[in-house]
Structure formats: structure tokens, C-alpha cells
Amino acid sequence: MTVTRLASIPGIGVDRVGDAADSMRDADILRLENLDTDLRPPAAALRATHQAIDDDAANSYLPFLGLPALRQAAVERVGRAAGCVYDAASECIVSAGGLAGILNVLLSILEPGDEVVLTSPTYAGLINRVRLAGGVPKFARLIPGADGWRLDLDSLADAIGPRTKAFLMMSPSMPSGYVASVDEWRAVAAHCERIGAWLVYDAAMERILFDDRKVVHPASLPGMRERTITVGAVSKEYRMIGWRVGWIVGPAEIMNDVRLASLSNVVCQVGIAMPGAAAALSSGDDGVAEAVAEWQRRRDFLLSELADLPVVRPHGGWSLLIDTRSLGIEPPEASQRLLAHGKIAATPMTNWGPGAERYLRFVFANEPVARLRDVRERVRHALQL
């Protein structure tokens, strides 16, 4: 019998598609189902990680809240984006990856039954963590258009109720690639101030922006430094998925509670991974600009090849969505047919928020253009389009 806290958590679907693709043991399968990337981490991060393996001090639980050098690098990183100054000792904790940081923050701010506003579509793992923390997810709708996604400000206002405790926002958002505009951030900030809510900002992909877009950090808005908790990680921008290192940066008043949640949850971070993470954040040559340029090339190629299909243009991130329901094919069926007949692994967006169930996701971060050359023919053959 499923315990209550898991009763409304169906999973994320990516694991099932990934396992099915793995079981086929076919190198020709295009791996578009999972947020991986083939681009290498920063060289400085690799060197520091190799050195840490031979460093006995890195083989330790200590320091529980993260290496001081990494905490300092994290607050400087967040501070540059937000135009704020943060204290590394009292306003930063290193987490075992970004999502562990998100859960620890939610455990620190939510009472059972408190509501959290998210956009939809959004990552099922964020929705599930709200539920694990005892919260109730509410949704503001992202509207697809000819030039990408925009936030429905009316649905944002409608999602707010007397028990709204926080907004959990990601920009660029996964899976859609939605990037919040200044006006959209201002609308969120106004609601936060009006009702006294927290803004939990998932900044995992903050700099993965296309078409010359610029970072807009919500803590840079008037009055938002004291309401914004930023959670970042080295996984996406720095291409360091396996390191499992993230950071939580926020006002001192909440960070002691986050510290208690962190110590009671994962306890500490990966010791041998933190020096590499610190090196990535501190390096003058982190490779982010070059990586973003390559990911944009892949996005542009897919948009061109799939131009006759209902694809929504992403403004950032690692993935795009295809509305297969408008083609008369439910996304789970499309996923099965693409894998079986097109050698494409892609995840249906079932349980990724209201309305998301009509979409199939293609991740473009892990396959070079050379391997994507026949993607339209594969899709045409598998879906009989």
C-alpha cells in the first residue's frame, strides 16, 4: 500500500523511456529523452576533481555546509546576476545537487497544506518535491505562441490563494525553454510582496539563453532580495551532471532553517566533487558561452527540420516541446512509435502540469547536429506523417 506522501507522485516518465532505450543496446538511437549533454565540463573543474580524489581532506563529511571557497564562489555568482551582495557564511549552503537544494528549501518554508505556485508545463520533479514537502502545487499557465512561450498573467493571479506560501519558478524553464521577461518577473514580484510569499528561483539553466537574451535575476527587482531564495547547480551550464553539487543562496533569516533541513536530509555534499565545482565557478574560462552557442545551433537545426510540425520555440534551456495531440497522436503513443520505428527516445510530458500531457519533449543538448541529420525522416516514418 502506497504511503500518503507518495500517493499523488506518479514519477517523471524519463526513467522509463531511458530504460527502454538502454535495453535496446543500439547506438543509432537518438537520445532525446533525458537532460544529458555530450559537451565537456570546464578543464579547470576536471583538474581540480582529479586532484581531490587524492586529497584525504576531500574524503570527509566536513564541512557540512560546503567548502568555504565554493560558498564564496556561489554567492559571487548569484550576486553578479542579481546585483546584490550576499554573505557566504550566513547566506549560502552547498547542496547535493540543485534538486536536493529545492527540496531542502521547500521543507524549510512549507507547513502541510501550504500552496506553491508553479508554471505549467514544468518539470515533474519540481511538482513532486512540492508534494513531498507537504505542499499543494498550483499552476500558472504558459501560453505557446509563434515565437515561443509567455506567462499567462491572469492565470498567475488566479493561482494565488489564502494559503499561497511560495512561487517556484525556473527560467529558462524545463521542459519548455520558457524564459521569463522583465515584465513577467515584475508581476511575480508584485504578488510576492502583496501576500508576503517567498520566491524560490531555480536558476539551474540561468545563462543558457538563446537569441542574445540577457539574464534577469528576480532578486534584482526592488524589494525582492529579501524574498528570493536562489538555487543553482553546476549540472547544466557547467556540464557537470555527475558531480551533484548545487548551492542555495538567500536571506540570512531563512538560511538557518535551510541548514537544519539540509543536515537532516542529505547531510552533506560530495566531498571529492566540491573542489571541481569551485573551480568551475571561479574559472575565467568556464566554456558556458561556447556551450550555449552549440546548444543554440542544435535547437535551430531541430526547429528548421521540424518546421512543419507543431513545435514550440524555446528561448533557452536544453529541450523543446512538440504538440503531438494536435497531430492526432497522444504523446505516450508517439513516444513508443518513435522508439520502435524511428530509433528516437523522447519523453511524453504526462504529469508535468495541467496541459502538459499534450506534448512530447525533445532534448537537444546531448546529440550533435551530425547525428540529427535525418531526424525529420525518422519522425515522418515512425509517426506516418
Protein backbone atom coordinates (compact mmCIF):
# COMPACT_ATOMS: atom_id res chain seq x y z
CA MET A 1 0.00 0.00 0.00
CA THR A 2 1.40 3.38 -1.01
CA VAL A 3 2.03 5.81 1.83
CA THR A 4 0.08 9.06 1.66
CA ARG A 5 3.03 11.28 0.75
CA LEU A 6 3.64 9.21 -2.41
CA ALA A 7 0.02 8.69 -3.44
CA SER A 8 -0.02 11.73 -5.72
CA ILE A 9 3.52 11.30 -7.05
CA PRO A 10 3.39 9.26 -10.27
CA GLY A 11 7.04 9.64 -11.32
CA ILE A 12 8.63 11.59 -14.14
CA GLY A 13 8.48 9.20 -17.13
CA VAL A 14 12.05 9.92 -18.22
CA ASP A 15 13.32 6.88 -16.33
CA ARG A 16 11.01 4.52 -18.19
CA VAL A 17 11.90 5.86 -21.62
CA GLY A 18 15.59 5.85 -20.75
CA ASP A 19 15.44 2.26 -19.52
CA ALA A 20 13.62 1.18 -22.67
CA ALA A 21 16.24 2.84 -24.87
CA ASP A 22 19.10 1.34 -22.85
CA SER A 23 17.61 -2.14 -23.16
CA MET A 24 17.76 -1.94 -26.95
CA ARG A 25 21.56 -1.54 -26.89
CA ASP A 26 21.51 0.33 -30.18
CA ALA A 27 24.00 3.18 -30.69
CA ASP A 28 21.89 4.57 -33.54
CA ILE A 29 19.09 5.61 -31.17
CA LEU A 30 18.89 9.38 -30.80
CA ARG A 31 18.87 10.02 -27.06
CA LEU A 32 16.44 12.91 -26.82
CA GLU A 33 14.66 11.72 -23.67
CA ASN A 34 16.91 12.86 -20.82
CA LEU A 35 18.72 16.04 -19.80
CA ASP A 36 22.25 14.91 -20.53
CA THR A 37 24.89 16.62 -22.62
CA ASP A 38 27.90 15.43 -24.56
CA LEU A 39 29.76 18.73 -24.08
CA ARG A 40 32.73 18.52 -21.73
CA PRO A 41 32.96 20.24 -18.33
CA PRO A 42 35.44 23.11 -17.81
CA ALA A 43 39.06 21.93 -17.90
CA ALA A 44 39.76 23.58 -14.53
CA ALA A 45 36.92 21.59 -12.97
CA LEU A 46 38.29 18.32 -14.30
CA ARG A 47 41.79 19.08 -12.99
CA ALA A 48 40.52 20.05 -9.54
CA THR A 49 38.37 16.93 -9.33
CA HIS A 50 41.27 14.64 -10.23
CA GLN A 51 43.37 16.30 -7.53
CA ALA A 52 40.56 15.96 -4.98
CA ILE A 53 40.47 12.19 -5.41
CA ASP A 54 43.98 12.03 -3.93
CA ASP A 55 43.23 14.60 -1.23
CA ASP A 56 42.29 12.99 2.09
CA ALA A 57 40.57 16.19 3.22
CA ALA A 58 38.05 15.76 0.40
CA ASN A 59 37.12 12.30 1.72
CA SER A 60 35.11 13.76 4.59
CA TYR A 61 31.68 14.82 5.76
CA LEU A 62 33.17 18.18 6.69
CA PRO A 63 32.45 20.97 6.28
CA PHE A 64 28.74 20.09 6.47
CA LEU A 65 27.55 23.26 4.75
CA GLY A 66 30.10 23.14 1.95
CA LEU A 67 33.65 24.25 1.26
CA PRO A 68 34.15 27.93 2.12
CA ALA A 69 35.74 28.56 -1.28
CA LEU A 70 32.72 27.10 -3.05
CA ARG A 71 30.26 29.05 -0.91
CA GLN A 72 32.16 32.24 -1.67
CA ALA A 73 32.18 31.47 -5.38
CA ALA A 74 28.45 30.72 -5.29
CA VAL A 75 27.46 33.98 -3.59
CA GLU A 76 29.64 35.91 -6.01
CA ARG A 77 27.99 34.12 -8.94
CA VAL A 78 24.47 34.85 -7.65
CA GLY A 79 25.44 38.37 -6.59
CA ARG A 80 26.70 39.26 -10.08
CA ALA A 81 23.42 38.15 -11.64
CA ALA A 82 21.23 39.79 -9.01
CA GLY A 83 23.22 42.95 -8.44
CA CYS A 84 23.26 42.15 -4.72
CA VAL A 85 25.87 41.32 -2.11
CA TYR A 86 25.48 38.07 -0.16
CA ASP A 87 27.45 36.81 2.82
CA ALA A 88 28.96 33.39 2.16
CA ALA A 89 28.95 32.39 5.85
CA SER A 90 25.32 33.20 6.66
CA GLU A 91 23.51 33.28 3.30
CA CYS A 92 24.80 30.26 1.37
CA ILE A 93 24.65 26.49 1.78
CA VAL A 94 26.06 23.95 -0.66
CA SER A 95 23.61 21.20 -1.59
CA ALA A 96 23.97 17.76 -3.14
CA GLY A 97 22.70 18.99 -6.48
CA GLY A 98 20.11 21.61 -7.32
CA LEU A 99 17.02 19.50 -6.73
CA ALA A 100 18.20 18.45 -3.27
CA GLY A 101 18.52 22.17 -2.60
CA ILE A 102 14.97 22.80 -3.85
CA LEU A 103 13.57 20.10 -1.55
CA ASN A 104 15.50 21.42 1.44
CA VAL A 105 14.16 24.91 0.82
CA LEU A 106 10.59 23.65 0.50
CA LEU A 107 10.96 21.64 3.71
CA SER A 108 12.11 24.86 5.39
CA ILE A 109 9.27 27.15 4.32
CA LEU A 110 6.14 25.00 3.99
CA GLU A 111 3.60 23.85 6.52
CA PRO A 112 1.39 20.92 5.44
CA GLY A 113 -1.26 22.23 3.08
CA ASP A 114 0.59 25.40 2.09
CA GLU A 115 0.33 26.17 -1.61
CA VAL A 116 3.14 26.73 -4.10
CA VAL A 117 2.59 28.37 -7.49
CA LEU A 118 4.49 26.88 -10.44
CA THR A 119 4.25 27.43 -14.17
CA SER A 120 2.88 24.69 -16.42
CA PRO A 121 4.35 22.85 -18.21
CA THR A 122 7.13 22.36 -15.69
CA TYR A 123 9.47 19.62 -14.56
CA ALA A 124 7.51 16.86 -12.83
CA GLY A 125 10.32 16.58 -10.27
CA LEU A 126 9.58 20.11 -9.04
CA ILE A 127 5.88 19.30 -8.69
CA ASN A 128 6.70 16.09 -6.86
CA ARG A 129 9.04 17.83 -4.43
CA VAL A 130 6.32 20.30 -3.50
CA ARG A 131 4.13 17.33 -2.64
CA LEU A 132 6.90 15.52 -0.75
CA ALA A 133 7.35 18.63 1.39
CA GLY A 134 3.64 18.60 2.25
CA GLY A 135 2.75 21.42 -0.11
CA VAL A 136 -0.03 21.74 -2.68
CA PRO A 137 1.03 22.73 -6.21
CA LYS A 138 -0.99 25.38 -8.04
CA PHE A 139 -0.32 26.31 -11.63
CA ALA A 140 0.01 29.40 -13.81
CA ARG A 141 -0.31 28.60 -17.49
CA LEU A 142 2.43 29.09 -20.06
CA ILE A 143 0.91 30.06 -23.40
CA PRO A 144 2.55 28.71 -26.59
CA GLY A 145 2.84 31.13 -29.49
CA ALA A 146 4.55 31.55 -32.82
CA ASP A 147 7.66 32.95 -31.12
CA GLY A 148 7.68 30.75 -28.04
CA TRP A 149 6.12 30.71 -24.59
CA ARG A 150 4.66 33.52 -22.49
CA LEU A 151 3.27 33.51 -18.96
CA ASP A 152 -0.50 33.96 -18.68
CA LEU A 153 -0.63 36.74 -16.07
CA ASP A 154 -4.34 36.21 -15.44
CA SER A 155 -3.78 32.55 -14.60
CA LEU A 156 -0.86 33.59 -12.40
CA ALA A 157 -3.21 35.78 -10.36
CA ASP A 158 -5.89 33.06 -10.32
CA ALA A 159 -3.41 30.52 -8.92
CA ILE A 160 -2.89 32.56 -5.76
CA GLY A 161 -4.98 31.80 -2.69
CA PRO A 162 -5.03 32.40 1.06
CA ARG A 163 -2.55 29.55 1.63
CA THR A 164 -0.02 30.56 -1.04
CA LYS A 165 3.38 30.43 0.62
CA ALA A 166 5.76 30.49 -2.31
CA PHE A 167 6.31 30.75 -6.03
CA LEU A 168 8.65 28.13 -7.51
CA MET A 169 9.93 29.49 -10.81
CA MET A 170 12.55 28.26 -13.24
CA SER A 171 13.97 30.39 -16.06
CA PRO A 172 14.81 29.06 -18.54
CA SER A 173 12.13 26.58 -17.60
CA MET A 174 12.32 22.91 -18.27
CA PRO A 175 10.84 21.28 -20.36
CA SER A 176 9.50 24.21 -22.38
CA GLY A 177 12.50 26.53 -22.65
CA TYR A 178 10.32 29.40 -21.41
CA VAL A 179 12.35 32.44 -20.32
CA ALA A 180 10.62 34.94 -18.04
CA SER A 181 10.60 38.53 -19.29
CA VAL A 182 11.25 41.55 -17.08
CA ASP A 183 7.53 42.33 -17.01
CA GLU A 184 6.67 38.76 -16.05
CA TRP A 185 9.21 38.80 -13.23
CA ARG A 186 7.77 42.11 -12.07
CA ALA A 187 4.30 40.56 -11.96
CA VAL A 188 5.57 37.67 -9.85
CA ALA A 189 7.45 40.08 -7.58
CA ALA A 190 4.34 42.21 -7.07
CA HIS A 191 2.36 39.16 -5.97
CA CYS A 192 5.18 38.07 -3.63
CA GLU A 193 5.23 41.44 -1.94
CA ARG A 194 1.45 41.74 -1.78
CA ILE A 195 0.91 38.41 0.00
CA GLY A 196 4.27 38.07 1.74
CA ALA A 197 5.36 34.97 -0.20
CA TRP A 198 8.77 33.53 -0.93
CA LEU A 199 10.14 33.25 -4.46
CA VAL A 200 12.14 30.04 -4.86
CA TYR A 201 14.14 30.62 -8.03
CA ASP A 202 15.51 27.54 -9.77
CA ALA A 203 18.49 29.02 -11.61
CA ALA A 204 19.89 25.74 -12.92
CA MET A 205 19.86 26.99 -16.54
CA GLU A 206 20.05 30.73 -15.92
CA ARG A 207 22.69 31.52 -18.54
CA ILE A 208 21.50 29.05 -21.19
CA LEU A 209 19.76 31.79 -23.15
CA PHE A 210 19.32 31.99 -26.91
CA ASP A 211 18.96 34.80 -29.45
CA ASP A 212 21.08 37.24 -27.40
CA ARG A 213 18.76 37.26 -24.39
CA LYS A 214 20.18 38.57 -21.13
CA VAL A 215 19.88 37.18 -17.60
CA VAL A 216 17.18 38.79 -15.48
CA HIS A 217 17.57 37.68 -11.86
CA PRO A 218 14.41 38.28 -9.81
CA ALA A 219 16.37 39.33 -6.72
CA SER A 220 17.49 42.38 -8.71
CA LEU A 221 13.95 43.79 -8.58
CA PRO A 222 13.07 46.27 -5.83
CA GLY A 223 12.24 44.56 -2.55
CA MET A 224 13.00 41.05 -3.84
CA ARG A 225 16.43 40.35 -2.34
CA GLU A 226 14.76 39.52 0.98
CA ARG A 227 12.08 37.36 -0.63
CA THR A 228 14.16 35.40 -3.17
CA ILE A 229 15.91 32.10 -2.47
CA THR A 230 18.15 31.15 -5.40
CA VAL A 231 19.03 27.50 -6.03
CA GLY A 232 21.71 26.79 -8.61
CA ALA A 233 23.95 23.91 -9.64
CA VAL A 234 26.91 23.02 -11.82
CA SER A 235 24.91 20.35 -13.66
CA LYS A 236 23.65 22.23 -16.71
CA GLU A 237 25.64 25.38 -17.52
CA TYR A 238 28.95 23.81 -16.47
CA ARG A 239 28.08 20.37 -17.95
CA MET A 240 28.87 18.68 -14.61
CA ILE A 241 25.82 16.44 -14.11
CA GLY A 242 27.66 13.65 -12.29
CA TRP A 243 29.21 15.93 -9.67
CA ARG A 244 25.88 16.50 -7.85
CA VAL A 245 26.81 19.90 -6.45
CA GLY A 246 24.45 22.84 -6.07
CA TRP A 247 24.02 25.89 -3.87
CA ILE A 248 21.27 27.72 -2.02
CA VAL A 249 21.65 31.48 -1.63
CA GLY A 250 19.10 33.53 0.26
CA PRO A 251 18.45 35.94 3.11
CA ALA A 252 20.03 35.03 6.43
CA GLU A 253 16.65 34.91 8.19
CA ILE A 254 15.67 31.68 6.38
CA MET A 255 19.07 30.05 5.88
CA ASN A 256 19.35 28.64 9.39
CA ASP A 257 16.16 26.65 8.78
CA VAL A 258 17.52 25.54 5.41
CA ARG A 259 20.69 24.45 7.22
CA LEU A 260 18.65 22.27 9.58
CA ALA A 261 16.73 20.71 6.69
CA SER A 262 19.97 20.08 4.81
CA LEU A 263 21.64 18.41 7.78
CA SER A 264 18.56 16.26 8.32
CA ASN A 265 18.22 15.25 4.68
CA VAL A 266 21.35 14.54 2.60
CA VAL A 267 23.65 15.68 5.48
CA CYS A 268 26.46 16.91 3.22
CA GLN A 269 27.66 17.13 -0.35
CA VAL A 270 30.02 15.01 -2.45
CA GLY A 271 33.41 15.82 -0.95
CA ILE A 272 35.52 15.00 -3.97
CA ALA A 273 33.16 16.97 -6.24
CA MET A 274 33.20 20.33 -4.44
CA PRO A 275 36.73 21.41 -5.47
CA GLY A 276 35.80 20.88 -9.11
CA ALA A 277 32.60 22.85 -8.65
CA ALA A 278 34.51 25.69 -7.01
CA ALA A 279 36.99 25.68 -9.88
CA ALA A 280 34.16 25.83 -12.43
CA LEU A 281 32.56 28.85 -10.77
CA SER A 282 35.89 30.60 -10.32
CA SER A 283 37.37 29.87 -13.73
CA GLY A 284 37.64 32.65 -16.25
CA ASP A 285 37.21 30.03 -18.95
CA ASP A 286 34.08 28.11 -17.95
CA GLY A 287 33.03 27.39 -21.53
CA VAL A 288 29.43 28.45 -20.94
CA ALA A 289 29.25 30.87 -23.88
CA GLU A 290 30.64 28.28 -26.29
CA ALA A 291 28.31 25.59 -24.95
CA VAL A 292 25.27 27.85 -25.29
CA ALA A 293 26.24 28.66 -28.88
CA GLU A 294 26.42 24.94 -29.68
CA TRP A 295 23.10 24.17 -27.97
CA GLN A 296 21.50 27.03 -29.94
CA ARG A 297 22.83 25.55 -33.19
CA ARG A 298 21.19 22.25 -32.29
CA ARG A 299 17.93 23.98 -31.35
CA ASP A 300 17.93 25.91 -34.60
CA PHE A 301 18.56 22.76 -36.60
CA LEU A 302 15.63 20.96 -34.98
CA LEU A 303 13.35 23.97 -35.44
CA SER A 304 14.27 24.02 -39.12
CA GLU A 305 13.89 20.29 -39.68
CA LEU A 306 10.60 20.06 -37.75
CA ALA A 307 9.17 23.34 -39.05
CA ASP A 308 6.08 21.61 -40.47
CA LEU A 309 5.24 20.13 -37.05
CA PRO A 310 3.64 21.87 -34.03
CA VAL A 311 6.92 22.65 -32.26
CA VAL A 312 7.07 25.49 -29.72
CA ARG A 313 10.24 27.58 -29.96
CA PRO A 314 12.35 27.50 -26.75
CA HIS A 315 14.15 30.70 -25.73
CA GLY A 316 16.68 28.83 -23.61
CA GLY A 317 17.44 25.55 -21.88
CA TRP A 318 18.04 22.11 -23.27
CA SER A 319 14.72 20.97 -24.72
CA LEU A 320 11.68 21.77 -26.84
CA LEU A 321 8.10 20.52 -26.91
CA ILE A 322 6.04 19.09 -29.78
CA ASP A 323 2.25 19.11 -29.56
CA THR A 324 1.62 15.61 -30.88
CA ARG A 325 -2.01 15.66 -29.74
CA SER A 326 -2.72 18.27 -32.42
CA LEU A 327 -1.44 15.67 -34.90
CA GLY A 328 -3.96 13.16 -33.57
CA ILE A 329 -1.35 11.14 -31.67
CA GLU A 330 -1.21 11.01 -27.88
CA PRO A 331 2.35 11.65 -26.62
CA PRO A 332 2.78 8.23 -24.91
CA GLU A 333 1.88 6.52 -28.18
CA ALA A 334 4.12 8.88 -30.14
CA SER A 335 6.98 8.08 -27.77
CA GLN A 336 6.52 4.33 -28.25
CA ARG A 337 6.29 4.62 -32.02
CA LEU A 338 9.33 6.86 -32.27
CA LEU A 339 11.47 4.44 -30.28
CA ALA A 340 10.23 1.32 -32.03
CA HIS A 341 10.14 2.64 -35.59
CA GLY A 342 12.32 5.76 -35.65
CA LYS A 343 15.08 4.99 -33.16
CA ILE A 344 14.28 8.19 -31.25
CA ALA A 345 13.94 8.18 -27.47
CA ALA A 346 11.63 11.00 -26.35
CA THR A 347 9.62 11.52 -23.17
CA PRO A 348 5.86 12.26 -23.05
CA MET A 349 5.00 15.09 -20.68
CA THR A 350 2.38 13.20 -18.72
CA ASN A 351 2.13 14.58 -15.14
CA TRP A 352 4.30 17.61 -15.97
CA GLY A 353 1.50 20.02 -15.09
CA PRO A 354 -2.02 20.76 -16.41
CA GLY A 355 -1.98 20.89 -20.19
CA ALA A 356 1.47 19.35 -20.46
CA GLU A 357 0.01 15.96 -21.35
CA ARG A 358 -0.39 17.06 -24.99
CA TYR A 359 3.36 17.45 -25.50
CA LEU A 360 6.35 15.26 -26.29
CA ARG A 361 9.80 16.52 -25.32
CA PHE A 362 12.93 16.50 -27.48
CA VAL A 363 16.20 17.19 -25.60
CA PHE A 364 18.79 18.71 -27.96
CA ALA A 365 21.70 19.01 -25.51
CA ASN A 366 23.07 15.50 -25.98
CA GLU A 367 23.07 14.91 -29.74
CA PRO A 368 25.25 16.83 -32.24
CA VAL A 369 23.78 18.07 -35.49
CA ALA A 370 25.65 15.37 -37.41
CA ARG A 371 23.57 12.72 -35.66
CA LEU A 372 20.35 14.71 -36.03
CA ARG A 373 20.59 15.00 -39.82
CA ASP A 374 17.80 12.50 -40.55
CA VAL A 375 15.58 13.35 -37.58
CA ARG A 376 12.68 14.57 -39.75
CA GLU A 377 12.69 11.39 -41.82
CA ARG A 378 12.75 9.28 -38.65
CA VAL A 379 9.80 11.20 -37.21
CA ARG A 380 7.88 11.01 -40.51
CA HIS A 381 8.40 7.27 -40.78
CA ALA A 382 7.58 6.47 -37.15
CA LEU A 383 4.50 8.68 -36.88
CA GLN A 384 3.41 8.18 -40.51
CA LEU A 385 3.28 11.90 -41.22
